[in-house]
Amino acid sequence: MDKDRIIGAGKEIAGKVKEAVGKLVGDAKLQVDGRAERAEGKLQNDAGSARDTSKK
């Protein structure tokens, strides 16, 4: 498993948490930050997945 997949998954989870907290407290900026971090994590996870596939 590529380290980018692990880091990306962590960012996705952190983004989901930020988004949920932002929604709960009504903080639109926190929601947007959470969505952005989640998207960044997904991209990083996908890049790591592609590297794993290319190593096989």
Foldseek 3Di string as FASTA:
>chain_A
DFVLLVVLVVQLVQLVVQLVVCVVVVNPVSNVVSVVSNVVSVVSNVVRVVVVVVVD
